[in-house]
Amino acid sequence: MNFLLITADDMNWDAVGAFGGPVPDVTPNLNHLASQGLRFQHAHVTAAVCQPSREALMTGRYPHRNGGMGFEPIWDHIETLQERLHRAGYLNGILGKVAHLAPVKKFSWDEQRDKGDLGHGRDPSLYRHYAAGFLERAKLESKPFFLMANAHDPHRPFVGSEQERSHFCGDIGSIPPPSMTFSPDDVTIPGFLPDIPELRLEISQYYNSCRRCDDTVGAVLDALDASGFAEDTVVMFLSDNGMAFPFAKTNCYLNSTRTPWIVRWPSVTEPGKLDDRHFISGIDFTPTVLDIAGLDPIEHIDGRSFANVLSGGADEARDLVFTVFHKTSAGNTYPMRGVQTRQYGYIFNAWSDGKTEFKNESQSGLTWKSMDAAAKEDAGIAERVNDFQYRSPEELYDFESDPNALNNLIDDPDQQTRISVFRSILLDWMEGKEDPILEDFRGRLS
């Protein structure tokens, strides 16, 4: 089989219509792909920030077990999916986000095009052009292929924003607009954010960027269809993490790590099916690809193949997921660990001491500035601002009734037995994975 992986950059799971997205017409191409394949209700990336998320995908290892805990290269002795595919005769290609799989030599790319070739990673026509060229090369060389097409949307700066004008300056005219745009009145505000006019404007800009990401998905799939390879290619789509807003990206909340994972495996996956039973994780991507390709697994990795689930099988062990966070792109360290089941999510914030202030990329735009200003007059928003900045060492949420993580149950007397169970689950995992913050967690339990 051939493989096409398409990724979005900072797209929340619920931006996609097929996953219940509240804003119509944002993702027609992804909705169509979902109608042809299988989508997962409980799919999560391993770490909700770009480079560690992507390096976990391509190594099958948690960040502290591949070396890429922040924006660092993986260790030289770690085998990658691309190295294994290259040795098996695959042609490896990547479009966009090249530097976020590092060091580049470890990923055995036969062809690579970065954002400079792709209209800052935001021009669907250029993705179509270079995808078509790569697929033609695979045909001429008679090789199976692995192509990773990485849209830079909807990463900040968003379409039509002041950040966009400042960031791209005189080059902004070369970046095409999305095929459809949304006004502040068109959008729905996520439940974990307050409805403030400036915030609503930025959410509309975010959705405009999501639409252009979907345009890119459509362009790449058009190239695949035109190549004649579609029936021999496993297509997967996911986002590397949640949206770049407070309480999403660079955290361990449900809206941080949940991703809109779609798989189309011709003649294997059931068209239009929703799997609401199994949990899959970013670390499972590499072993799954190798399993489908009929290649030997990489030893000592953390993930497991879910190829049997794609073909309609059951895996009773897929009932929870572990997520992690280490560092922001600015290099600030905020160690977090999460355990999520169907109903509950438990988070350990090793950095939270009542004094350390959390800072991340999402505070650079209109949303955080408007929240910070509104907090001076609105006690509810002031509490949310404080929660985001300082947290508590432990958090527990009932995601079935509180998917936006608004009510921390960690001090609820009725939840103490459940909290003890989650602590035990996380402790066992941390011991087994030689987690570098294990002693911090043990200290919390003592």
Protein backbone atom coordinates (compact mmCIF):
# COMPACT_ATOMS: atom_id res chain seq x y z
CA MET A 1 0.00 0.00 0.00
CA ASN A 2 0.90 3.65 -0.48
CA PHE A 3 0.34 6.19 2.29
CA LEU A 4 -0.83 9.79 2.26
CA LEU A 5 -0.86 11.63 5.58
CA ILE A 6 -2.41 15.10 5.54
CA THR A 7 -2.09 17.25 8.65
CA ALA A 8 -3.59 20.53 9.78
CA ASP A 9 -1.64 22.90 12.01
CA ASP A 10 -3.61 23.86 15.16
CA MET A 11 -7.09 22.80 13.99
CA ASN A 12 -9.44 21.91 16.83
CA TRP A 13 -11.21 18.57 16.49
CA ASP A 14 -14.62 20.23 16.36
CA ALA A 15 -13.79 22.58 13.50
CA VAL A 16 -14.59 19.68 11.17
CA GLY A 17 -18.24 19.31 10.22
CA ALA A 18 -18.02 15.52 10.23
CA PHE A 19 -17.10 15.69 13.92
CA GLY A 20 -20.05 17.88 14.79
CA GLY A 21 -18.50 21.23 13.98
CA PRO A 22 -21.01 23.97 14.88
CA VAL A 23 -20.13 26.30 11.98
CA PRO A 24 -21.50 25.10 8.60
CA ASP A 25 -19.45 24.85 5.40
CA VAL A 26 -15.99 25.12 7.01
CA THR A 27 -14.66 21.72 5.86
CA PRO A 28 -16.47 20.34 2.79
CA ASN A 29 -13.42 18.36 1.61
CA LEU A 30 -12.80 16.80 5.01
CA ASN A 31 -16.48 15.99 5.34
CA HIS A 32 -16.32 14.20 1.99
CA LEU A 33 -13.20 12.28 3.05
CA ALA A 34 -14.98 11.25 6.27
CA SER A 35 -17.93 9.99 4.22
CA GLN A 36 -15.51 7.69 2.40
CA GLY A 37 -13.63 6.44 5.45
CA LEU A 38 -13.59 5.89 9.20
CA ARG A 39 -13.40 8.65 11.79
CA PHE A 40 -12.41 8.23 15.43
CA GLN A 41 -14.34 9.84 18.26
CA HIS A 42 -11.49 9.22 20.71
CA ALA A 43 -8.33 10.09 18.79
CA HIS A 44 -5.60 12.08 20.51
CA VAL A 45 -2.20 13.48 19.67
CA THR A 46 0.51 12.65 22.18
CA ALA A 47 1.67 16.19 22.95
CA ALA A 48 -0.35 19.28 22.03
CA VAL A 49 2.38 21.30 20.35
CA CYS A 50 3.71 21.02 16.83
CA GLN A 51 7.18 19.46 16.81
CA PRO A 52 6.79 17.02 19.72
CA SER A 53 3.42 15.93 18.32
CA ARG A 54 4.85 15.23 14.89
CA GLU A 55 8.00 13.54 16.18
CA ALA A 56 5.83 11.24 18.31
CA LEU A 57 3.85 10.35 15.17
CA MET A 58 6.97 9.37 13.27
CA THR A 59 8.77 7.48 16.04
CA GLY A 60 5.94 5.80 17.96
CA ARG A 61 7.50 7.09 21.18
CA TYR A 62 6.56 9.59 23.85
CA PRO A 63 8.64 12.79 23.65
CA HIS A 64 10.79 11.98 26.68
CA ARG A 65 11.59 8.63 25.05
CA ASN A 66 12.63 10.01 21.65
CA GLY A 67 14.49 13.15 22.79
CA GLY A 68 12.09 15.69 21.29
CA MET A 69 10.42 17.05 24.41
CA GLY A 70 10.29 20.58 23.03
CA PHE A 71 11.45 22.02 19.74
CA GLU A 72 14.52 19.79 19.69
CA PRO A 73 15.71 17.03 17.36
CA ILE A 74 15.12 13.43 18.32
CA TRP A 75 18.08 11.36 19.46
CA ASP A 76 20.25 9.84 16.72
CA HIS A 77 19.70 6.26 17.88
CA ILE A 78 15.90 6.49 17.56
CA GLU A 79 14.62 4.76 14.42
CA THR A 80 11.97 6.63 12.46
CA LEU A 81 9.10 5.44 10.30
CA GLN A 82 10.74 7.04 7.26
CA GLU A 83 14.01 5.17 7.79
CA ARG A 84 12.15 1.88 7.95
CA LEU A 85 10.07 2.70 4.85
CA HIS A 86 13.15 3.90 2.94
CA ARG A 87 14.91 0.59 3.55
CA ALA A 88 11.81 -1.21 2.27
CA GLY A 89 11.96 0.69 -1.02
CA TYR A 90 9.41 3.42 -0.36
CA LEU A 91 9.68 6.90 -1.84
CA ASN A 92 9.30 9.42 1.04
CA GLY A 93 8.01 12.94 0.46
CA ILE A 94 7.03 15.88 2.66
CA LEU A 95 5.25 19.14 1.87
CA GLY A 96 5.52 21.80 4.59
CA LYS A 97 6.67 21.73 8.24
CA VAL A 98 9.95 20.08 7.22
CA ALA A 99 11.92 21.51 10.15
CA HIS A 100 9.40 20.11 12.64
CA LEU A 101 10.74 16.61 12.08
CA ALA A 102 14.35 16.94 13.16
CA PRO A 103 17.09 16.25 12.45
CA VAL A 104 16.08 16.15 8.80
CA LYS A 105 18.63 13.41 8.03
CA LYS A 106 16.70 11.00 10.28
CA PHE A 107 13.59 11.19 8.11
CA SER A 108 14.98 9.97 4.78
CA TRP A 109 13.02 12.37 2.59
CA ASP A 110 13.51 11.73 -1.11
CA GLU A 111 11.63 14.93 -1.88
CA GLN A 112 10.85 17.88 0.37
CA ARG A 113 9.13 21.20 -0.17
CA ASP A 114 8.92 23.68 2.66
CA LYS A 115 6.75 26.76 3.20
CA GLY A 116 8.86 28.89 0.86
CA ASP A 117 7.76 26.65 -2.02
CA LEU A 118 4.16 26.53 -0.81
CA GLY A 119 3.10 30.17 -0.46
CA HIS A 120 4.08 30.28 3.21
CA GLY A 121 2.45 26.88 3.52
CA ARG A 122 -0.94 28.44 2.71
CA ASP A 123 -1.45 28.10 -1.06
CA PRO A 124 -3.61 25.07 -1.97
CA SER A 125 -2.68 25.26 -5.68
CA LEU A 126 1.01 24.86 -4.84
CA TYR A 127 0.28 21.84 -2.63
CA ARG A 128 -1.59 20.31 -5.56
CA HIS A 129 1.31 21.07 -7.92
CA TYR A 130 4.03 19.55 -5.76
CA ALA A 131 1.90 16.60 -4.65
CA ALA A 132 1.21 15.81 -8.31
CA GLY A 133 4.92 16.01 -9.12
CA PHE A 134 5.84 13.67 -6.29
CA LEU A 135 3.18 11.15 -7.30
CA GLU A 136 4.37 11.25 -10.90
CA ARG A 137 7.90 10.52 -9.69
CA ALA A 138 6.63 7.51 -7.71
CA LYS A 139 4.94 6.25 -10.87
CA LEU A 140 8.05 6.73 -13.03
CA GLU A 141 10.28 5.01 -10.47
CA SER A 142 7.71 2.24 -9.81
CA LYS A 143 7.99 2.71 -6.05
CA PRO A 144 5.40 2.64 -3.30
CA PHE A 145 5.24 6.00 -1.55
CA PHE A 146 4.70 7.78 1.73
CA LEU A 147 3.69 11.43 1.31
CA MET A 148 3.17 13.75 4.27
CA ALA A 149 1.34 16.93 3.25
CA ASN A 150 1.35 19.49 6.08
CA ALA A 151 -0.87 22.55 5.76
CA HIS A 152 0.36 25.57 7.75
CA ASP A 153 -3.26 26.65 8.29
CA PRO A 154 -4.96 27.32 10.65
CA HIS A 155 -1.84 28.21 12.63
CA ARG A 156 -1.54 31.88 13.56
CA PRO A 157 -1.50 34.39 11.93
CA PHE A 158 -5.14 33.93 10.96
CA VAL A 159 -6.70 35.06 7.69
CA GLY A 160 -7.52 38.79 7.74
CA SER A 161 -5.91 39.50 11.12
CA GLU A 162 -3.55 42.29 12.10
CA GLN A 163 -1.08 39.54 12.98
CA GLU A 164 -1.25 38.32 9.38
CA ARG A 165 -0.60 41.78 7.94
CA SER A 166 2.32 42.30 10.30
CA HIS A 167 3.80 38.83 9.80
CA PHE A 168 3.68 38.65 6.01
CA CYS A 169 4.07 42.40 5.35
CA GLY A 170 4.49 43.10 1.63
CA ASP A 171 4.17 39.42 0.73
CA ILE A 172 0.58 39.07 1.88
CA GLY A 173 -0.80 39.61 -1.61
CA SER A 174 0.81 36.38 -2.78
CA ILE A 175 -1.22 34.28 -0.34
CA PRO A 176 -4.61 33.28 -1.72
CA PRO A 177 -7.75 33.86 0.35
CA PRO A 178 -9.89 30.91 1.43
CA SER A 179 -12.64 29.77 -0.91
CA MET A 180 -15.21 30.98 1.61
CA THR A 181 -15.03 33.40 4.55
CA PHE A 182 -16.96 33.75 7.80
CA SER A 183 -17.99 36.86 9.71
CA PRO A 184 -18.07 37.21 13.50
CA ASP A 185 -21.82 36.65 13.35
CA ASP A 186 -21.36 33.34 11.52
CA VAL A 187 -19.29 31.58 14.17
CA THR A 188 -19.88 29.80 17.44
CA ILE A 189 -17.63 30.53 20.41
CA PRO A 190 -16.06 27.43 22.05
CA GLY A 191 -17.51 26.77 25.47
CA PHE A 192 -14.14 27.16 27.17
CA LEU A 193 -13.93 30.82 26.09
CA PRO A 194 -16.12 33.84 26.93
CA ASP A 195 -18.18 35.50 24.21
CA ILE A 196 -16.46 38.90 23.82
CA PRO A 197 -16.65 40.95 20.56
CA GLU A 198 -12.88 41.01 19.97
CA LEU A 199 -12.68 37.30 20.70
CA ARG A 200 -15.56 36.59 18.32
CA LEU A 201 -13.67 38.45 15.59
CA GLU A 202 -10.56 36.33 16.13
CA ILE A 203 -12.61 33.12 16.13
CA SER A 204 -14.03 34.10 12.73
CA GLN A 205 -10.48 34.66 11.44
CA TYR A 206 -9.52 31.24 12.77
CA TYR A 207 -12.43 29.63 10.89
CA ASN A 208 -11.36 31.42 7.72
CA SER A 209 -7.96 29.77 8.13
CA CYS A 210 -9.66 26.42 8.74
CA ARG A 211 -11.50 26.81 5.43
CA ARG A 212 -8.23 27.45 3.60
CA CYS A 213 -6.76 24.38 5.28
CA ASP A 214 -9.69 22.42 3.92
CA ASP A 215 -8.98 23.90 0.48
CA THR A 216 -5.46 22.47 0.79
CA VAL A 217 -6.83 19.06 1.77
CA GLY A 218 -9.03 19.10 -1.32
CA ALA A 219 -6.12 20.11 -3.55
CA VAL A 220 -3.91 17.25 -2.32
CA LEU A 221 -6.72 14.72 -2.68
CA ASP A 222 -7.38 16.00 -6.21
CA ALA A 223 -3.74 15.29 -7.05
CA LEU A 224 -4.06 11.77 -5.62
CA ASP A 225 -7.21 11.10 -7.64
CA ALA A 226 -5.58 12.36 -10.83
CA SER A 227 -2.53 10.14 -10.26
CA GLY A 228 -4.53 6.92 -10.41
CA PHE A 229 -3.16 5.82 -7.02
CA ALA A 230 -6.26 6.50 -4.92
CA GLU A 231 -7.43 2.88 -4.70
CA ASP A 232 -3.98 1.73 -3.58
CA THR A 233 -3.41 4.45 -0.99
CA VAL A 234 -4.27 4.65 2.70
CA VAL A 235 -5.20 8.27 3.41
CA MET A 236 -5.12 9.66 6.94
CA PHE A 237 -5.95 13.13 8.15
CA LEU A 238 -5.39 14.64 11.59
CA SER A 239 -4.44 17.89 13.29
CA ASP A 240 -1.19 18.13 15.22
CA ASN A 241 -2.97 19.70 18.24
CA GLY A 242 -5.88 21.87 19.28
CA MET A 243 -6.55 25.48 18.33
CA ALA A 244 -4.09 28.18 19.45
CA PHE A 245 -6.41 29.67 22.06
CA PRO A 246 -6.35 29.56 25.88
CA PHE A 247 -7.23 26.14 27.33
CA ALA A 248 -6.48 24.31 24.06
CA LYS A 249 -3.03 24.07 22.39
CA THR A 250 0.00 23.42 24.66
CA ASN A 251 -2.04 21.79 27.42
CA CYS A 252 -3.53 18.41 28.33
CA TYR A 253 -7.22 19.30 28.14
CA LEU A 254 -9.69 17.50 25.90
CA ASN A 255 -9.51 20.43 23.46
CA SER A 256 -5.72 20.27 23.56
CA THR A 257 -5.07 16.73 22.37
CA ARG A 258 -8.26 15.45 20.77
CA THR A 259 -7.80 15.41 17.01
CA PRO A 260 -10.14 14.87 14.02
CA TRP A 261 -8.52 11.64 12.82
CA ILE A 262 -9.95 10.22 9.58
CA VAL A 263 -8.73 7.06 7.82
CA ARG A 264 -9.68 5.97 4.31
CA TRP A 265 -8.30 2.51 3.50
CA PRO A 266 -9.94 1.42 0.24
CA SER A 267 -11.95 -1.81 0.53
CA VAL A 268 -11.09 -2.05 4.26
CA THR A 269 -12.53 0.85 6.26
CA GLU A 270 -16.31 1.16 6.28
CA PRO A 271 -17.36 4.38 4.52
CA GLY A 272 -18.90 6.98 6.80
CA LYS A 273 -18.37 4.99 10.00
CA LEU A 274 -17.72 6.62 13.38
CA ASP A 275 -15.65 4.58 15.84
CA ASP A 276 -16.79 5.78 19.26
CA ARG A 277 -15.29 2.81 21.11
CA HIS A 278 -11.52 2.78 20.66
CA PHE A 279 -8.90 5.28 21.80
CA ILE A 280 -6.01 5.84 19.40
CA SER A 281 -2.95 8.03 19.95
CA GLY A 282 -0.25 9.73 17.92
CA ILE A 283 2.26 7.14 19.10
CA ASP A 284 0.14 4.49 17.34
CA PHE A 285 0.64 5.98 13.87
CA THR A 286 4.06 4.47 13.07
CA PRO A 287 3.25 0.90 14.14
CA THR A 288 -0.05 1.07 12.25
CA VAL A 289 1.59 2.16 8.99
CA LEU A 290 4.23 -0.56 9.29
CA ASP A 291 1.55 -3.16 10.03
CA ILE A 292 -0.50 -2.17 6.98
CA ALA A 293 2.64 -2.18 4.83
CA GLY A 294 3.52 -5.69 6.02
CA LEU A 295 6.84 -4.55 7.48
CA ASP A 296 8.46 -5.61 10.73
CA PRO A 297 7.63 -3.41 13.73
CA ILE A 298 10.22 -1.14 15.32
CA GLU A 299 11.34 -2.58 18.64
CA HIS A 300 10.77 -0.93 22.01
CA ILE A 301 8.33 1.72 20.84
CA ASP A 302 5.39 2.88 22.93
CA GLY A 303 2.57 2.74 20.39
CA ARG A 304 0.55 -0.20 19.08
CA SER A 305 -0.97 -0.83 15.67
CA PHE A 306 -4.69 -0.21 15.30
CA ALA A 307 -4.84 -1.78 11.82
CA ASN A 308 -7.19 -4.48 13.15
CA VAL A 309 -9.60 -1.77 14.34
CA LEU A 310 -9.58 -0.23 10.86
CA SER A 311 -10.72 -3.54 9.42
CA GLY A 312 -13.59 -3.81 11.90
CA GLY A 313 -11.92 -5.67 14.76
CA ALA A 314 -12.10 -4.89 18.46
CA ASP A 315 -9.31 -4.02 20.90
CA GLU A 316 -10.53 -4.03 24.50
CA ALA A 317 -7.28 -2.47 25.74
CA ARG A 318 -7.99 0.77 23.87
CA ASP A 319 -10.03 2.35 26.66
CA LEU A 320 -7.86 5.32 27.66
CA VAL A 321 -5.01 7.51 26.47
CA PHE A 322 -1.97 9.16 28.09
CA THR A 323 -0.98 12.64 26.99
CA VAL A 324 2.01 14.79 27.89
CA PHE A 325 3.38 18.29 27.65
CA HIS A 326 6.88 19.61 28.27
CA LYS A 327 7.80 22.90 26.59
CA THR A 328 6.31 25.75 24.58
CA SER A 329 7.89 26.99 21.33
CA ALA A 330 9.49 29.79 23.37
CA GLY A 331 11.29 27.15 25.44
CA ASN A 332 9.25 27.67 28.62
CA THR A 333 8.92 24.42 30.56
CA TYR A 334 5.52 23.43 32.00
CA PRO A 335 5.50 19.65 32.62
CA MET A 336 1.99 18.15 32.45
CA ARG A 337 0.62 14.62 32.24
CA GLY A 338 -2.91 13.59 31.37
CA VAL A 339 -5.01 10.44 31.49
CA GLN A 340 -8.30 10.44 29.59
CA THR A 341 -11.07 7.87 29.53
CA ARG A 342 -14.45 8.14 27.86
CA GLN A 343 -15.90 10.09 30.75
CA TYR A 344 -13.08 11.56 32.82
CA GLY A 345 -9.82 13.39 32.38
CA TYR A 346 -7.12 13.65 35.06
CA ILE A 347 -4.23 16.12 34.70
CA PHE A 348 -1.06 16.53 36.78
CA ASN A 349 0.61 19.94 36.48
CA ALA A 350 4.08 19.50 37.91
CA TRP A 351 4.85 23.19 37.33
CA SER A 352 1.87 24.61 39.22
CA ASP A 353 3.01 26.13 42.52
CA GLY A 354 0.77 29.18 42.84
CA LYS A 355 3.58 31.48 41.69
CA THR A 356 4.74 30.25 38.29
CA GLU A 357 2.76 31.92 35.49
CA PHE A 358 1.84 29.97 32.37
CA LYS A 359 2.61 31.75 29.11
CA ASN A 360 2.07 30.50 25.58
CA GLU A 361 1.44 31.51 21.99
CA SER A 362 -2.32 31.82 22.41
CA GLN A 363 -1.82 34.95 24.51
CA SER A 364 -0.44 36.87 21.53
CA GLY A 365 -3.77 37.64 19.84
CA LEU A 366 -7.08 39.39 20.37
CA THR A 367 -8.58 36.63 22.51
CA TRP A 368 -6.25 36.83 25.48
CA LYS A 369 -6.01 40.61 25.36
CA SER A 370 -9.81 40.91 25.40
CA MET A 371 -10.11 38.36 28.23
CA ASP A 372 -7.47 40.15 30.27
CA ALA A 373 -9.26 43.49 29.79
CA ALA A 374 -12.70 42.06 30.57
CA ALA A 375 -11.38 40.41 33.72
CA LYS A 376 -11.14 43.83 35.36
CA GLU A 377 -14.94 44.07 35.42
CA ASP A 378 -16.18 40.47 35.14
CA ALA A 379 -15.43 38.15 38.08
CA GLY A 380 -16.16 35.02 36.04
CA ILE A 381 -13.67 35.95 33.32
CA ALA A 382 -11.17 37.01 36.01
CA GLU A 383 -11.38 33.51 37.47
CA ARG A 384 -10.79 31.92 34.06
CA VAL A 385 -7.78 34.17 33.45
CA ASN A 386 -6.33 33.19 36.83
CA ASP A 387 -7.01 29.49 36.20
CA PHE A 388 -5.19 29.64 32.89
CA GLN A 389 -2.17 31.41 34.34
CA TYR A 390 -1.68 29.39 37.51
CA ARG A 391 -3.78 26.15 37.46
CA SER A 392 -3.76 23.72 40.34
CA PRO A 393 -1.33 20.81 40.68
CA GLU A 394 -4.12 18.35 39.90
CA GLU A 395 -7.28 18.62 37.81
CA LEU A 396 -10.18 16.23 37.25
CA TYR A 397 -13.03 16.79 34.80
CA ASP A 398 -16.15 14.89 33.84
CA PHE A 399 -15.81 15.38 30.10
CA GLU A 400 -19.21 13.84 29.37
CA SER A 401 -20.99 16.63 31.24
CA ASP A 402 -18.18 19.21 31.12
CA PRO A 403 -16.21 18.82 27.87
CA ASN A 404 -14.86 22.36 28.18
CA ALA A 405 -13.18 21.65 31.52
CA LEU A 406 -14.92 24.42 33.44
CA ASN A 407 -15.45 22.59 36.74
CA ASN A 408 -12.36 21.10 38.39
CA LEU A 409 -13.53 18.20 40.59
CA ILE A 410 -10.21 17.58 42.32
CA ASP A 411 -11.53 18.68 45.74
CA ASP A 412 -14.97 17.07 45.38
CA PRO A 413 -15.42 14.60 48.28
CA ASP A 414 -17.45 12.29 46.05
CA GLN A 415 -14.58 11.98 43.56
CA GLN A 416 -11.72 11.03 45.89
CA THR A 417 -11.90 7.29 45.18
CA ARG A 418 -11.86 7.97 41.44
CA ILE A 419 -8.94 10.39 41.85
CA SER A 420 -6.97 7.72 43.71
CA VAL A 421 -7.54 5.31 40.83
CA PHE A 422 -6.31 7.85 38.29
CA ARG A 423 -3.25 8.62 40.40
CA SER A 424 -2.43 4.93 40.52
CA ILE A 425 -2.90 4.54 36.75
CA LEU A 426 -0.63 7.49 36.05
CA LEU A 427 1.99 6.37 38.57
CA ASP A 428 2.22 2.92 36.97
CA TRP A 429 2.57 4.49 33.53
CA MET A 430 5.24 6.95 34.68
CA GLU A 431 7.24 4.18 36.33
CA GLY A 432 7.01 1.99 33.23
CA LYS A 433 8.03 4.82 30.91
CA GLU A 434 10.80 6.18 33.18
CA ASP A 435 9.14 9.56 33.19
CA PRO A 436 11.53 12.41 34.12
CA ILE A 437 8.91 13.98 36.42
CA LEU A 438 8.17 10.73 38.26
CA GLU A 439 9.68 11.93 41.52
CA ASP A 440 7.65 15.15 41.34
CA PHE A 441 4.51 13.06 41.08
CA ARG A 442 5.55 10.75 43.91
CA GLY A 443 6.18 13.85 46.01
CA ARG A 444 2.65 15.01 45.27
CA LEU A 445 1.25 11.68 46.47
CA SER A 446 3.29 11.52 49.66
